[in-house]
Amino acid sequence: SSEELLELDKRFWTLCWYVFGKIMRGELWEALAGIHTIRSDALLPMLDWIAGRPHEGYRRLDARFDPGIAQRLEDTLGLLEAGALYDALQAEISLFRDLCEPLFERFGSTYDTVPGEEIKDEMVRRWNARRP
């Protein structure tokens, strides 16, 4: 339902900010776990909803998606290094944003990109301002 999508959107951005904070503080294992949570709790269900099939988590994942989507999911994997985890988080954000619009349209809602854009922009600003 559109209410569930709105809740998912809020949770997604909260998790992104949480993971970003972990990356910035060097809590890389926590960040890695958070990236996995975003993938399993938001991205995979959304991909299954778009495909019109029941959500199965990681079960038979290799056979469910076309090569383009499979590559985008691979991009959400990161090594235990701050830059790689940041890139994986950005890949999750990109995929999430691409999946939102068709799902919101399906349920007759409009997707408000402004809050997410503000969070993403702040992440980029802070990432670029960090000390190496």
N, C-alpha and C. Protein backbone atom coordinates (compact mmCIF):
# COMPACT_ATOMS: atom_id res chain seq x y z
N SER A 1 0.84 -1.19 0.00
CA SER A 1 0.00 0.00 0.00
C SER A 1 0.88 1.25 0.00
N SER A 2 0.30 2.37 -0.31
CA SER A 2 1.09 3.61 -0.32
C SER A 2 1.57 3.96 1.09
N GLU A 3 0.80 3.60 2.11
CA GLU A 3 1.25 3.87 3.49
C GLU A 3 2.51 3.07 3.81
N GLU A 4 2.54 1.81 3.36
CA GLU A 4 3.72 0.99 3.59
C GLU A 4 4.93 1.54 2.85
N LEU A 5 4.72 2.04 1.64
CA LEU A 5 5.81 2.65 0.88
C LEU A 5 6.35 3.89 1.57
N LEU A 6 5.45 4.71 2.10
CA LEU A 6 5.90 5.92 2.81
C LEU A 6 6.70 5.54 4.05
N GLU A 7 6.26 4.51 4.76
CA GLU A 7 7.00 4.03 5.93
C GLU A 7 8.36 3.50 5.52
N LEU A 8 8.39 2.73 4.42
CA LEU A 8 9.65 2.19 3.92
C LEU A 8 10.60 3.32 3.54
N ASP A 9 10.08 4.35 2.90
CA ASP A 9 10.89 5.50 2.52
C ASP A 9 11.52 6.15 3.75
N LYS A 10 10.74 6.36 4.78
CA LYS A 10 11.27 6.97 6.02
C LYS A 10 12.34 6.08 6.64
N ARG A 11 12.04 4.79 6.71
CA ARG A 11 12.99 3.85 7.32
C ARG A 11 14.28 3.79 6.50
N PHE A 12 14.13 3.77 5.18
CA PHE A 12 15.30 3.72 4.31
C PHE A 12 16.25 4.88 4.60
N TRP A 13 15.72 6.09 4.61
CA TRP A 13 16.59 7.26 4.81
C TRP A 13 17.16 7.30 6.22
N THR A 14 16.42 6.81 7.20
CA THR A 14 16.94 6.73 8.56
C THR A 14 18.12 5.75 8.60
N LEU A 15 17.95 4.60 7.96
CA LEU A 15 19.03 3.62 7.92
C LEU A 15 20.24 4.16 7.16
N CYS A 16 20.01 4.88 6.08
CA CYS A 16 21.12 5.45 5.32
C CYS A 16 21.94 6.40 6.19
N TRP A 17 21.25 7.26 6.93
CA TRP A 17 21.96 8.22 7.78
C TRP A 17 22.72 7.49 8.88
N TYR A 18 22.11 6.44 9.44
CA TYR A 18 22.75 5.62 10.47
C TYR A 18 24.03 4.99 9.91
N VAL A 19 23.92 4.36 8.73
CA VAL A 19 25.07 3.70 8.12
C VAL A 19 26.15 4.72 7.78
N PHE A 20 25.74 5.85 7.25
CA PHE A 20 26.71 6.89 6.92
C PHE A 20 27.47 7.33 8.17
N GLY A 21 26.77 7.52 9.27
CA GLY A 21 27.44 7.88 10.53
C GLY A 21 28.44 6.84 10.97
N LYS A 22 28.09 5.57 10.81
CA LYS A 22 29.01 4.49 11.17
C LYS A 22 30.26 4.53 10.30
N ILE A 23 30.07 4.76 9.00
CA ILE A 23 31.22 4.86 8.10
C ILE A 23 32.12 6.02 8.52
N MET A 24 31.52 7.16 8.79
CA MET A 24 32.30 8.35 9.15
C MET A 24 33.06 8.17 10.46
N ARG A 25 32.49 7.41 11.39
CA ARG A 25 33.16 7.18 12.67
C ARG A 25 34.13 6.00 12.63
N GLY A 26 34.21 5.31 11.49
CA GLY A 26 35.11 4.18 11.38
C GLY A 26 34.57 2.90 11.97
N GLU A 27 33.28 2.86 12.23
CA GLU A 27 32.64 1.65 12.76
C GLU A 27 32.20 0.79 11.56
N LEU A 28 33.20 0.21 10.90
CA LEU A 28 32.98 -0.39 9.60
C LEU A 28 32.16 -1.67 9.63
N TRP A 29 32.31 -2.48 10.66
CA TRP A 29 31.48 -3.70 10.74
C TRP A 29 30.02 -3.33 10.93
N GLU A 30 29.75 -2.34 11.74
CA GLU A 30 28.36 -1.87 11.92
C GLU A 30 27.82 -1.31 10.62
N ALA A 31 28.64 -0.57 9.89
CA ALA A 31 28.22 -0.02 8.60
C ALA A 31 27.92 -1.14 7.62
N LEU A 32 28.77 -2.15 7.58
CA LEU A 32 28.55 -3.29 6.69
C LEU A 32 27.24 -3.99 7.01
N ALA A 33 26.96 -4.17 8.29
CA ALA A 33 25.70 -4.80 8.71
C ALA A 33 24.51 -3.93 8.29
N GLY A 34 24.65 -2.62 8.42
CA GLY A 34 23.58 -1.72 8.03
C GLY A 34 23.32 -1.74 6.53
N ILE A 35 24.37 -1.83 5.75
CA ILE A 35 24.22 -1.91 4.30
C ILE A 35 23.46 -3.19 3.94
N HIS A 36 23.79 -4.28 4.61
CA HIS A 36 23.07 -5.53 4.39
C HIS A 36 21.59 -5.38 4.76
N THR A 37 21.32 -4.71 5.86
CA THR A 37 19.93 -4.50 6.30
C THR A 37 19.15 -3.71 5.25
N ILE A 38 19.75 -2.66 4.73
CA ILE A 38 19.08 -1.87 3.70
C ILE A 38 18.76 -2.73 2.49
N ARG A 39 19.73 -3.53 2.07
CA ARG A 39 19.53 -4.38 0.90
C ARG A 39 18.40 -5.39 1.15
N SER A 40 18.46 -6.06 2.30
CA SER A 40 17.49 -7.14 2.55
C SER A 40 16.12 -6.63 2.96
N ASP A 41 16.04 -5.49 3.65
CA ASP A 41 14.75 -5.00 4.15
C ASP A 41 14.06 -4.00 3.23
N ALA A 42 14.80 -3.40 2.30
CA ALA A 42 14.19 -2.40 1.41
C ALA A 42 14.33 -2.77 -0.06
N LEU A 43 15.56 -2.97 -0.52
CA LEU A 43 15.77 -3.13 -1.95
C LEU A 43 15.21 -4.44 -2.51
N LEU A 44 15.50 -5.55 -1.83
CA LEU A 44 14.99 -6.83 -2.35
C LEU A 44 13.46 -6.90 -2.36
N PRO A 45 12.79 -6.47 -1.28
CA PRO A 45 11.32 -6.48 -1.35
C PRO A 45 10.79 -5.58 -2.47
N MET A 46 11.40 -4.43 -2.66
CA MET A 46 10.94 -3.52 -3.72
C MET A 46 11.10 -4.15 -5.10
N LEU A 47 12.23 -4.81 -5.32
CA LEU A 47 12.46 -5.47 -6.60
C LEU A 47 11.42 -6.56 -6.84
N ASP A 48 11.09 -7.31 -5.79
CA ASP A 48 10.06 -8.35 -5.94
C ASP A 48 8.69 -7.75 -6.17
N TRP A 49 8.36 -6.64 -5.50
CA TRP A 49 7.06 -5.99 -5.70
C TRP A 49 6.92 -5.51 -7.14
N ILE A 50 7.99 -4.91 -7.66
CA ILE A 50 7.95 -4.42 -9.04
C ILE A 50 7.75 -5.58 -10.01
N ALA A 51 8.39 -6.71 -9.73
CA ALA A 51 8.27 -7.88 -10.60
C ALA A 51 6.94 -8.62 -10.40
N GLY A 52 6.19 -8.24 -9.36
CA GLY A 52 4.91 -8.89 -9.10
C GLY A 52 5.03 -10.30 -8.57
N ARG A 53 6.08 -10.57 -7.84
CA ARG A 53 6.24 -11.91 -7.27
C ARG A 53 6.37 -11.81 -5.75
N PRO A 54 6.12 -12.90 -5.06
CA PRO A 54 6.26 -12.87 -3.60
C PRO A 54 7.72 -12.65 -3.21
N HIS A 55 7.89 -11.96 -2.11
CA HIS A 55 9.25 -11.68 -1.63
C HIS A 55 9.84 -12.93 -1.00
N GLU A 56 11.05 -13.29 -1.46
CA GLU A 56 11.73 -14.48 -0.95
C GLU A 56 13.08 -14.16 -0.32
N GLY A 57 13.39 -12.92 -0.10
CA GLY A 57 14.69 -12.59 0.46
C GLY A 57 15.79 -12.95 -0.52
N TYR A 58 16.83 -13.63 -0.01
CA TYR A 58 17.97 -13.98 -0.85
C TYR A 58 17.78 -15.33 -1.55
N ARG A 59 16.71 -16.00 -1.26
CA ARG A 59 16.47 -17.32 -1.85
C ARG A 59 16.36 -17.21 -3.38
N ARG A 60 17.15 -18.02 -4.07
CA ARG A 60 17.18 -18.06 -5.55
C ARG A 60 17.42 -16.67 -6.17
N LEU A 61 18.10 -15.82 -5.46
CA LEU A 61 18.33 -14.45 -5.92
C LEU A 61 19.06 -14.42 -7.26
N ASP A 62 20.02 -15.31 -7.44
CA ASP A 62 20.81 -15.29 -8.67
C ASP A 62 19.95 -15.48 -9.92
N ALA A 63 18.86 -16.21 -9.81
CA ALA A 63 18.04 -16.50 -10.98
C ALA A 63 16.86 -15.54 -11.16
N ARG A 64 16.61 -14.67 -10.19
CA ARG A 64 15.41 -13.84 -10.24
C ARG A 64 15.56 -12.55 -11.04
N PHE A 65 16.76 -12.06 -11.19
CA PHE A 65 16.93 -10.74 -11.78
C PHE A 65 17.73 -10.79 -13.06
N ASP A 66 17.45 -9.82 -13.93
CA ASP A 66 18.22 -9.72 -15.17
C ASP A 66 19.63 -9.21 -14.84
N PRO A 67 20.56 -9.33 -15.78
CA PRO A 67 21.95 -8.94 -15.52
C PRO A 67 22.11 -7.48 -15.06
N GLY A 68 21.29 -6.58 -15.56
CA GLY A 68 21.40 -5.18 -15.16
C GLY A 68 21.09 -4.98 -13.69
N ILE A 69 20.01 -5.58 -13.23
CA ILE A 69 19.64 -5.48 -11.81
C ILE A 69 20.66 -6.24 -10.96
N ALA A 70 21.10 -7.39 -11.43
CA ALA A 70 22.10 -8.15 -10.69
C ALA A 70 23.35 -7.32 -10.47
N GLN A 71 23.77 -6.58 -11.50
CA GLN A 71 24.95 -5.73 -11.38
C GLN A 71 24.72 -4.60 -10.37
N ARG A 72 23.53 -4.03 -10.41
CA ARG A 72 23.23 -2.95 -9.46
C ARG A 72 23.24 -3.47 -8.03
N LEU A 73 22.77 -4.69 -7.82
CA LEU A 73 22.84 -5.29 -6.48
C LEU A 73 24.29 -5.57 -6.09
N GLU A 74 25.09 -6.05 -7.04
CA GLU A 74 26.51 -6.27 -6.75
C GLU A 74 27.19 -4.98 -6.33
N ASP A 75 26.78 -3.88 -6.91
CA ASP A 75 27.36 -2.58 -6.56
C ASP A 75 27.07 -2.19 -5.12
N THR A 76 26.08 -2.83 -4.49
CA THR A 76 25.75 -2.53 -3.10
C THR A 76 26.61 -3.32 -2.12
N LEU A 77 27.51 -4.13 -2.63
CA LEU A 77 28.44 -4.88 -1.78
C LEU A 77 29.68 -4.04 -1.57
N GLY A 78 30.19 -4.05 -0.37
CA GLY A 78 31.38 -3.25 -0.11
C GLY A 78 32.38 -4.00 0.74
N LEU A 79 33.64 -3.75 0.48
CA LEU A 79 34.70 -4.28 1.32
C LEU A 79 34.70 -3.52 2.64
N LEU A 80 35.41 -4.05 3.59
CA LEU A 80 35.47 -3.44 4.91
C LEU A 80 36.47 -2.28 4.91
N GLU A 81 36.12 -1.26 4.15
CA GLU A 81 36.95 -0.06 4.00
C GLU A 81 35.98 1.10 3.81
N ALA A 82 36.25 2.21 4.42
CA ALA A 82 35.30 3.33 4.44
C ALA A 82 34.86 3.75 3.04
N GLY A 83 35.79 3.93 2.11
CA GLY A 83 35.43 4.37 0.76
C GLY A 83 34.55 3.35 0.04
N ALA A 84 34.86 2.09 0.19
CA ALA A 84 34.06 1.04 -0.46
C ALA A 84 32.66 0.97 0.14
N LEU A 85 32.56 1.13 1.45
CA LEU A 85 31.24 1.11 2.09
C LEU A 85 30.42 2.34 1.70
N TYR A 86 31.07 3.48 1.60
CA TYR A 86 30.39 4.69 1.16
C TYR A 86 29.86 4.50 -0.26
N ASP A 87 30.67 3.93 -1.14
CA ASP A 87 30.24 3.67 -2.51
C ASP A 87 29.06 2.69 -2.55
N ALA A 88 29.10 1.67 -1.70
CA ALA A 88 28.00 0.70 -1.64
C ALA A 88 26.72 1.39 -1.17
N LEU A 89 26.85 2.27 -0.19
CA LEU A 89 25.68 3.01 0.30
C LEU A 89 25.12 3.90 -0.80
N GLN A 90 25.98 4.57 -1.53
CA GLN A 90 25.52 5.42 -2.63
C GLN A 90 24.84 4.58 -3.72
N ALA A 91 25.33 3.37 -3.96
CA ALA A 91 24.69 2.47 -4.94
C ALA A 91 23.30 2.07 -4.45
N GLU A 92 23.15 1.85 -3.15
CA GLU A 92 21.84 1.51 -2.59
C GLU A 92 20.88 2.69 -2.74
N ILE A 93 21.36 3.88 -2.48
CA ILE A 93 20.53 5.07 -2.62
C ILE A 93 20.07 5.22 -4.07
N SER A 94 20.96 5.05 -5.00
CA SER A 94 20.63 5.18 -6.42
C SER A 94 19.57 4.15 -6.83
N LEU A 95 19.76 2.91 -6.43
CA LEU A 95 18.79 1.87 -6.77
C LEU A 95 17.44 2.14 -6.12
N PHE A 96 17.46 2.53 -4.85
CA PHE A 96 16.21 2.82 -4.14
C PHE A 96 15.43 3.92 -4.85
N ARG A 97 16.11 4.98 -5.21
CA ARG A 97 15.42 6.11 -5.86
C ARG A 97 14.83 5.68 -7.21
N ASP A 98 15.53 4.82 -7.94
CA ASP A 98 15.00 4.35 -9.22
C ASP A 98 13.79 3.43 -9.04
N LEU A 99 13.72 2.73 -7.92
CA LEU A 99 12.61 1.81 -7.68
C LEU A 99 11.39 2.51 -7.10
N CYS A 100 11.59 3.62 -6.43
CA CYS A 100 10.47 4.30 -5.75
C CYS A 100 9.40 4.79 -6.70
N GLU A 101 9.80 5.47 -7.74
CA GLU A 101 8.80 6.10 -8.61
C GLU A 101 7.80 5.10 -9.19
N PRO A 102 8.25 3.98 -9.79
CA PRO A 102 7.25 3.05 -10.33
C PRO A 102 6.36 2.45 -9.25
N LEU A 103 6.91 2.22 -8.07
CA LEU A 103 6.08 1.66 -7.00
C LEU A 103 5.06 2.67 -6.50
N PHE A 104 5.48 3.90 -6.31
CA PHE A 104 4.54 4.93 -5.85
C PHE A 104 3.45 5.14 -6.90
N GLU A 105 3.83 5.14 -8.17
CA GLU A 105 2.83 5.29 -9.24
C GLU A 105 1.83 4.15 -9.22
N ARG A 106 2.31 2.94 -8.99
CA ARG A 106 1.43 1.77 -8.95
C ARG A 106 0.34 1.92 -7.89
N PHE A 107 0.70 2.56 -6.78
CA PHE A 107 -0.26 2.73 -5.69
C PHE A 107 -0.92 4.10 -5.69
N GLY A 108 -0.76 4.83 -6.79
CA GLY A 108 -1.45 6.10 -6.93
C GLY A 108 -0.92 7.21 -6.05
N SER A 109 0.34 7.16 -5.71
CA SER A 109 0.97 8.19 -4.89
C SER A 109 2.10 8.85 -5.67
N THR A 110 2.50 10.00 -5.19
CA THR A 110 3.66 10.65 -5.76
C THR A 110 4.81 10.53 -4.78
N TYR A 111 5.98 10.34 -5.33
CA TYR A 111 7.17 10.18 -4.51
C TYR A 111 7.83 11.54 -4.32
N ASP A 112 7.91 11.99 -3.08
CA ASP A 112 8.54 13.26 -2.75
C ASP A 112 10.04 13.03 -2.60
N THR A 113 10.82 13.49 -3.54
CA THR A 113 12.26 13.26 -3.53
C THR A 113 13.03 14.25 -2.66
N VAL A 114 12.39 15.32 -2.24
CA VAL A 114 13.11 16.40 -1.54
C VAL A 114 13.77 15.93 -0.24
N PRO A 115 13.07 15.26 0.68
CA PRO A 115 13.77 14.86 1.92
C PRO A 115 14.98 13.97 1.66
N GLY A 116 14.83 13.00 0.77
CA GLY A 116 15.95 12.13 0.45
C GLY A 116 17.10 12.87 -0.19
N GLU A 117 16.78 13.80 -1.08
CA GLU A 117 17.83 14.60 -1.72
C GLU A 117 18.61 15.40 -0.69
N GLU A 118 17.91 15.96 0.28
CA GLU A 118 18.58 16.74 1.32
C GLU A 118 19.52 15.86 2.13
N ILE A 119 19.08 14.66 2.48
CA ILE A 119 19.92 13.75 3.24
C ILE A 119 21.12 13.33 2.41
N LYS A 120 20.89 12.96 1.17
CA LYS A 120 21.98 12.54 0.27
C LYS A 120 22.98 13.68 0.09
N ASP A 121 22.49 14.89 -0.15
CA ASP A 121 23.39 16.03 -0.33
C ASP A 121 24.24 16.28 0.91
N GLU A 122 23.64 16.13 2.08
CA GLU A 122 24.39 16.33 3.32
C GLU A 122 25.45 15.25 3.49
N MET A 123 25.13 14.02 3.11
CA MET A 123 26.13 12.95 3.17
C MET A 123 27.30 13.28 2.26
N VAL A 124 27.01 13.69 1.04
CA VAL A 124 28.06 14.02 0.08
C VAL A 124 28.91 15.17 0.61
N ARG A 125 28.26 16.19 1.16
CA ARG A 125 28.99 17.34 1.69
C ARG A 125 29.94 16.91 2.81
N ARG A 126 29.42 16.11 3.74
CA ARG A 126 30.25 15.68 4.87
C ARG A 126 31.35 14.72 4.42
N TRP A 127 31.04 13.85 3.46
CA TRP A 127 32.04 12.91 2.96
C TRP A 127 33.19 13.69 2.30
N ASN A 128 32.86 14.68 1.50
CA ASN A 128 33.88 15.45 0.82
C ASN A 128 34.68 16.34 1.76
N ALA A 129 34.10 16.69 2.91
CA ALA A 129 34.77 17.58 3.87
C ALA A 129 35.62 16.81 4.90
N ARG A 130 35.52 15.50 4.90
CA ARG A 130 36.23 14.72 5.92
C ARG A 130 37.73 14.82 5.72
N ARG A 131 38.43 14.56 6.79
CA ARG A 131 39.90 14.50 6.71
C ARG A 131 40.30 13.11 6.29
N PRO A 132 41.18 13.00 5.31
CA PRO A 132 41.61 11.66 4.84
C PRO A 132 42.36 10.87 5.88
